Amino acid sequence: MSMVYINIFLAFTLSFMGLLIYRSHLMSSLLCLEGMMLSLFIMMTVTILANHFTLANMAPIVLLVFAACEAALGLSLLVMVSNTYGTDYVQNLNLLQC
């Protein structure tokens, strides 16, 4: 396993650990999720380029599209929660209160 793969896996693991540790605020959770998606994108791109997969060249672009949709939904949820409750705590996201 090369150093590039180890560094990308370490970035994914650190983002996942950040998601587990800083899960009380919605903004911190969204940033950790974006870090995870970015490391997955880089891992897919490096793997496809290293192994010369010609049929899978669109896979990283599709992952970026899903990451952009996730970021847009997350930011809209953050704006809605912060306008409604005044804070960005994840504990305010209770579906039974709607």
N, C-alpha and C. Protein backbone atom coordinates (compact mmCIF):
# COMPACT_ATOMS: atom_id res chain seq x y z
N MET A 1 0.85 -1.17 0.00
CA MET A 1 0.00 0.00 0.00
C MET A 1 0.90 1.24 0.00
N SER A 2 0.68 2.11 -0.94
CA SER A 2 1.55 3.27 -1.06
C SER A 2 1.18 4.34 -0.04
N MET A 3 2.03 5.33 0.08
CA MET A 3 1.81 6.41 1.04
C MET A 3 0.61 7.27 0.68
N VAL A 4 0.29 7.35 -0.60
CA VAL A 4 -0.87 8.14 -1.03
C VAL A 4 -2.14 7.52 -0.48
N TYR A 5 -2.27 6.21 -0.61
CA TYR A 5 -3.46 5.53 -0.11
C TYR A 5 -3.55 5.60 1.41
N ILE A 6 -2.41 5.50 2.07
CA ILE A 6 -2.40 5.59 3.53
C ILE A 6 -2.83 6.97 3.99
N ASN A 7 -2.35 8.01 3.32
CA ASN A 7 -2.74 9.38 3.69
C ASN A 7 -4.21 9.64 3.43
N ILE A 8 -4.73 9.14 2.32
CA ILE A 8 -6.15 9.33 2.02
C ILE A 8 -7.01 8.57 3.02
N PHE A 9 -6.61 7.34 3.35
CA PHE A 9 -7.35 6.57 4.35
C PHE A 9 -7.28 7.23 5.71
N LEU A 10 -6.15 7.83 6.04
CA LEU A 10 -6.01 8.55 7.31
C LEU A 10 -6.92 9.78 7.33
N ALA A 11 -7.02 10.48 6.20
CA ALA A 11 -7.93 11.64 6.13
C ALA A 11 -9.37 11.21 6.30
N PHE A 12 -9.76 10.10 5.69
CA PHE A 12 -11.12 9.59 5.86
C PHE A 12 -11.38 9.19 7.31
N THR A 13 -10.41 8.51 7.92
CA THR A 13 -10.57 8.07 9.31
C THR A 13 -10.65 9.25 10.26
N LEU A 14 -9.83 10.27 10.04
CA LEU A 14 -9.88 11.45 10.90
C LEU A 14 -11.20 12.20 10.74
N SER A 15 -11.71 12.26 9.53
CA SER A 15 -13.01 12.90 9.32
C SER A 15 -14.12 12.11 10.00
N PHE A 16 -14.03 10.79 9.94
CA PHE A 16 -15.04 9.96 10.59
C PHE A 16 -14.96 10.09 12.11
N MET A 17 -13.74 10.14 12.64
CA MET A 17 -13.59 10.33 14.08
C MET A 17 -14.08 11.71 14.51
N GLY A 18 -13.84 12.71 13.67
CA GLY A 18 -14.37 14.04 13.96
C GLY A 18 -15.88 14.06 13.96
N LEU A 19 -16.48 13.28 13.07
CA LEU A 19 -17.94 13.17 13.04
C LEU A 19 -18.46 12.53 14.32
N LEU A 20 -17.74 11.55 14.83
CA LEU A 20 -18.17 10.90 16.07
C LEU A 20 -17.95 11.79 17.29
N ILE A 21 -16.87 12.56 17.29
CA ILE A 21 -16.54 13.38 18.46
C ILE A 21 -17.34 14.67 18.48
N TYR A 22 -17.42 15.37 17.36
CA TYR A 22 -18.07 16.68 17.32
C TYR A 22 -19.47 16.58 16.73
N ARG A 23 -20.27 15.67 17.23
CA ARG A 23 -21.59 15.47 16.67
C ARG A 23 -22.66 16.34 17.30
N SER A 24 -22.30 17.19 18.25
CA SER A 24 -23.33 18.01 18.90
C SER A 24 -23.75 19.19 18.04
N HIS A 25 -22.84 19.74 17.25
CA HIS A 25 -23.17 20.87 16.38
C HIS A 25 -23.35 20.39 14.94
N LEU A 26 -24.34 20.93 14.28
CA LEU A 26 -24.65 20.52 12.91
C LEU A 26 -23.56 20.97 11.93
N MET A 27 -23.01 22.15 12.14
CA MET A 27 -21.97 22.66 11.24
C MET A 27 -20.72 21.78 11.30
N SER A 28 -20.33 21.35 12.48
CA SER A 28 -19.16 20.47 12.61
C SER A 28 -19.41 19.13 11.93
N SER A 29 -20.62 18.62 12.08
CA SER A 29 -20.96 17.35 11.44
C SER A 29 -20.92 17.47 9.92
N LEU A 30 -21.43 18.58 9.40
CA LEU A 30 -21.42 18.78 7.94
C LEU A 30 -20.00 18.91 7.41
N LEU A 31 -19.13 19.60 8.14
CA LEU A 31 -17.73 19.73 7.70
C LEU A 31 -17.02 18.38 7.70
N CYS A 32 -17.29 17.56 8.70
CA CYS A 32 -16.68 16.23 8.74
C CYS A 32 -17.20 15.35 7.61
N LEU A 33 -18.49 15.45 7.31
CA LEU A 33 -19.04 14.69 6.18
C LEU A 33 -18.42 15.13 4.86
N GLU A 34 -18.19 16.42 4.70
CA GLU A 34 -17.55 16.91 3.47
C GLU A 34 -16.11 16.42 3.38
N GLY A 35 -15.42 16.35 4.50
CA GLY A 35 -14.07 15.80 4.50
C GLY A 35 -14.04 14.34 4.10
N MET A 36 -15.04 13.59 4.56
CA MET A 36 -15.14 12.19 4.18
C MET A 36 -15.42 12.04 2.69
N MET A 37 -16.31 12.85 2.17
CA MET A 37 -16.63 12.78 0.74
C MET A 37 -15.43 13.19 -0.12
N LEU A 38 -14.69 14.19 0.32
CA LEU A 38 -13.52 14.62 -0.43
C LEU A 38 -12.45 13.54 -0.45
N SER A 39 -12.23 12.88 0.68
CA SER A 39 -11.23 11.81 0.69
C SER A 39 -11.68 10.62 -0.15
N LEU A 40 -12.99 10.32 -0.16
CA LEU A 40 -13.49 9.26 -1.04
C LEU A 40 -13.31 9.63 -2.52
N PHE A 41 -13.55 10.90 -2.85
CA PHE A 41 -13.36 11.34 -4.23
C PHE A 41 -11.91 11.19 -4.66
N ILE A 42 -10.99 11.60 -3.81
CA ILE A 42 -9.57 11.50 -4.16
C ILE A 42 -9.16 10.03 -4.26
N MET A 43 -9.66 9.20 -3.35
CA MET A 43 -9.34 7.77 -3.40
C MET A 43 -9.85 7.13 -4.69
N MET A 44 -11.07 7.45 -5.08
CA MET A 44 -11.61 6.89 -6.33
C MET A 44 -10.82 7.37 -7.54
N THR A 45 -10.48 8.65 -7.56
CA THR A 45 -9.75 9.20 -8.70
C THR A 45 -8.36 8.59 -8.82
N VAL A 46 -7.65 8.47 -7.71
CA VAL A 46 -6.31 7.89 -7.74
C VAL A 46 -6.37 6.42 -8.14
N THR A 47 -7.34 5.69 -7.64
CA THR A 47 -7.47 4.27 -7.98
C THR A 47 -7.79 4.08 -9.46
N ILE A 48 -8.70 4.90 -9.98
CA ILE A 48 -9.06 4.78 -11.39
C ILE A 48 -7.89 5.15 -12.30
N LEU A 49 -7.16 6.20 -11.94
CA LEU A 49 -6.02 6.59 -12.76
C LEU A 49 -4.87 5.59 -12.66
N ALA A 50 -4.66 5.00 -11.50
CA ALA A 50 -3.56 4.05 -11.34
C ALA A 50 -3.83 2.74 -12.05
N ASN A 51 -5.08 2.32 -12.08
CA ASN A 51 -5.42 1.02 -12.69
C ASN A 51 -5.94 1.14 -14.11
N HIS A 52 -6.03 2.34 -14.64
CA HIS A 52 -6.46 2.61 -16.01
C HIS A 52 -7.84 2.02 -16.32
N PHE A 53 -8.78 2.27 -15.40
CA PHE A 53 -10.17 1.86 -15.65
C PHE A 53 -10.82 2.89 -16.56
N THR A 54 -11.03 2.53 -17.79
CA THR A 54 -11.62 3.49 -18.73
C THR A 54 -13.13 3.58 -18.58
N LEU A 55 -13.76 2.51 -18.12
CA LEU A 55 -15.22 2.53 -18.00
C LEU A 55 -15.69 3.24 -16.73
N ALA A 56 -14.81 3.44 -15.78
CA ALA A 56 -15.21 4.03 -14.50
C ALA A 56 -14.75 5.48 -14.36
N ASN A 57 -14.49 6.15 -15.46
CA ASN A 57 -14.00 7.52 -15.38
C ASN A 57 -15.06 8.49 -14.87
N MET A 58 -16.33 8.16 -15.00
CA MET A 58 -17.40 9.06 -14.56
C MET A 58 -17.75 8.89 -13.09
N ALA A 59 -17.27 7.86 -12.44
CA ALA A 59 -17.64 7.58 -11.05
C ALA A 59 -17.24 8.71 -10.09
N PRO A 60 -16.04 9.29 -10.19
CA PRO A 60 -15.73 10.40 -9.28
C PRO A 60 -16.61 11.63 -9.51
N ILE A 61 -17.01 11.87 -10.74
CA ILE A 61 -17.88 13.01 -11.02
C ILE A 61 -19.26 12.79 -10.41
N VAL A 62 -19.76 11.56 -10.48
CA VAL A 62 -21.05 11.23 -9.87
C VAL A 62 -20.97 11.40 -8.36
N LEU A 63 -19.85 10.98 -7.77
CA LEU A 63 -19.66 11.17 -6.33
C LEU A 63 -19.64 12.64 -5.96
N LEU A 64 -19.01 13.47 -6.78
CA LEU A 64 -19.00 14.91 -6.52
C LEU A 64 -20.39 15.52 -6.63
N VAL A 65 -21.19 15.03 -7.56
CA VAL A 65 -22.56 15.52 -7.69
C VAL A 65 -23.36 15.19 -6.44
N PHE A 66 -23.23 13.96 -5.95
CA PHE A 66 -23.93 13.58 -4.72
C PHE A 66 -23.42 14.38 -3.53
N ALA A 67 -22.12 14.65 -3.48
CA ALA A 67 -21.57 15.45 -2.38
C ALA A 67 -22.09 16.88 -2.43
N ALA A 68 -22.25 17.43 -3.62
CA ALA A 68 -22.78 18.79 -3.74
C ALA A 68 -24.25 18.83 -3.32
N CYS A 69 -25.01 17.82 -3.69
CA CYS A 69 -26.42 17.76 -3.26
C CYS A 69 -26.52 17.61 -1.75
N GLU A 70 -25.65 16.79 -1.18
CA GLU A 70 -25.64 16.61 0.27
C GLU A 70 -25.27 17.90 0.98
N ALA A 71 -24.32 18.63 0.43
CA ALA A 71 -23.91 19.90 1.04
C ALA A 71 -25.03 20.93 0.96
N ALA A 72 -25.72 20.98 -0.16
CA ALA A 72 -26.82 21.94 -0.31
C ALA A 72 -27.96 21.62 0.65
N LEU A 73 -28.31 20.35 0.78
CA LEU A 73 -29.36 19.97 1.72
C LEU A 73 -28.94 20.22 3.16
N GLY A 74 -27.69 19.93 3.46
CA GLY A 74 -27.19 20.16 4.82
C GLY A 74 -27.17 21.63 5.18
N LEU A 75 -26.75 22.47 4.25
CA LEU A 75 -26.73 23.91 4.54
C LEU A 75 -28.13 24.48 4.65
N SER A 76 -29.06 23.99 3.85
CA SER A 76 -30.44 24.47 3.99
C SER A 76 -31.03 24.03 5.32
N LEU A 77 -30.71 22.82 5.75
CA LEU A 77 -31.16 22.36 7.06
C LEU A 77 -30.52 23.18 8.18
N LEU A 78 -29.25 23.53 8.02
CA LEU A 78 -28.56 24.37 9.01
C LEU A 78 -29.21 25.74 9.12
N VAL A 79 -29.54 26.35 7.99
CA VAL A 79 -30.19 27.66 8.00
C VAL A 79 -31.57 27.57 8.64
N MET A 80 -32.32 26.52 8.30
CA MET A 80 -33.65 26.36 8.88
C MET A 80 -33.60 26.17 10.39
N VAL A 81 -32.68 25.33 10.86
CA VAL A 81 -32.57 25.07 12.29
C VAL A 81 -32.08 26.30 13.04
N SER A 82 -31.09 26.99 12.48
CA SER A 82 -30.57 28.17 13.17
C SER A 82 -31.58 29.31 13.18
N ASN A 83 -32.41 29.43 12.16
CA ASN A 83 -33.46 30.45 12.18
C ASN A 83 -34.59 30.09 13.14
N THR A 84 -34.90 28.82 13.24
CA THR A 84 -36.01 28.39 14.10
C THR A 84 -35.62 28.38 15.57
N TYR A 85 -34.47 27.78 15.89
CA TYR A 85 -34.09 27.58 17.28
C TYR A 85 -33.02 28.55 17.77
N GLY A 86 -32.30 29.18 16.88
CA GLY A 86 -31.24 30.10 17.27
C GLY A 86 -29.90 29.44 17.51
N THR A 87 -29.83 28.13 17.48
CA THR A 87 -28.57 27.39 17.64
C THR A 87 -28.49 26.32 16.56
N ASP A 88 -27.33 25.69 16.47
CA ASP A 88 -27.17 24.63 15.48
C ASP A 88 -26.93 23.27 16.14
N TYR A 89 -27.52 23.06 17.29
CA TYR A 89 -27.38 21.78 17.97
C TYR A 89 -28.17 20.69 17.23
N VAL A 90 -27.56 19.52 17.15
CA VAL A 90 -28.20 18.40 16.46
C VAL A 90 -29.38 17.88 17.29
N GLN A 91 -29.34 18.08 18.59
CA GLN A 91 -30.43 17.59 19.44
C GLN A 91 -31.75 18.31 19.16
N ASN A 92 -31.71 19.45 18.48
CA ASN A 92 -32.94 20.15 18.11
C ASN A 92 -33.63 19.52 16.91
N LEU A 93 -32.98 18.59 16.25
CA LEU A 93 -33.55 17.95 15.06
C LEU A 93 -34.37 16.73 15.46
N ASN A 94 -35.46 16.94 16.11
CA ASN A 94 -36.34 15.86 16.52
C ASN A 94 -37.57 15.87 15.63
N LEU A 95 -37.82 14.77 14.96
CA LEU A 95 -38.95 14.71 14.03
C LEU A 95 -40.30 14.71 14.75
N LEU A 96 -40.32 14.38 16.03
CA LEU A 96 -41.57 14.33 16.76
C LEU A 96 -42.08 15.73 17.11
N GLN A 97 -41.22 16.75 16.99
CA GLN A 97 -41.62 18.11 17.32
C GLN A 97 -42.30 18.80 16.15
N CYS A 98 -42.27 18.25 14.97
CA CYS A 98 -42.81 18.93 13.79
C CYS A 98 -44.31 19.04 13.81
